[in-house]
């Protein structure tokens, strides 16, 4: 019910053609119908899951499944609902045994056993979809790789072209310097580091793009499960460094993918 319709009802009430009770009932019914239609087009009721099917329209990317704590049947229902609507699927923190079961149902799925991520591209997806910019993911050490792989898989799911650069921590600064041309070509950079978490500040001093720092829980006792790296990154003197949660490779990859997508769109429009 729009403004003109409500006004027409109100005028009928004013001249005595419609009772106030009938007016209230008509407006209430119209509001309920509008809410029902909105819910139908934005949410899929899967029982245990209320799937947000309008997330991509609002936020740029579809809803992501946090697999930990979910059953295989719940995840299967979510993926089927997404694929039926042409939505590309992505799940994080998935156990390998759950992935094995899901791959029997979705053989087109891709499971990364290091990152514990699972993604499916709908058959209806266009082969010519334009890439969503360029993302570089950098690790300080090999032990940071699981978190970095989660960032890589997430950024790939967003549509970005992704370059993974491994084991270039501050203990051997010459290793980073050799990779700078690849890093400086990116639209956004994810830097994954544990221990004292110094690498993002160093990288930030070499590039003119956003750095998303991801602290990991790698380190000995005083690393405090990633708290030392987190605090070090939060205190970075490099102004282009921002920080996400400990071991949050997904969040780092998502933010980088979103930045890269917006940059790529501006580039295609001739705005950058």
Foldseek 3Di string as FASTA:
>chain_A
DDPVVLVVLVVCCVVPNDPPVRSVVVVVVVVVVVVVVVLVVQWDCPPVDTAGQCCCVVPVAGDAAACPPDALVVVLVNVVVCLVVQHKYKYFPADPVSVVVVCVVVVQWDADNLQRMIIHGHPPDDPPPDAQFEEEEEEQAPVQVNLSVLLVVLLVNLRHHYHYHYNCHPVNVVSVVVCLVVHQRGQEYEYEYADQQPVQLVNLVRYDHAYEYEFELDDDDVSPRRPNNQVNQVPRPRPRYDYDYYSPSNVRSNVSSVSSNVVVVCVVVVND
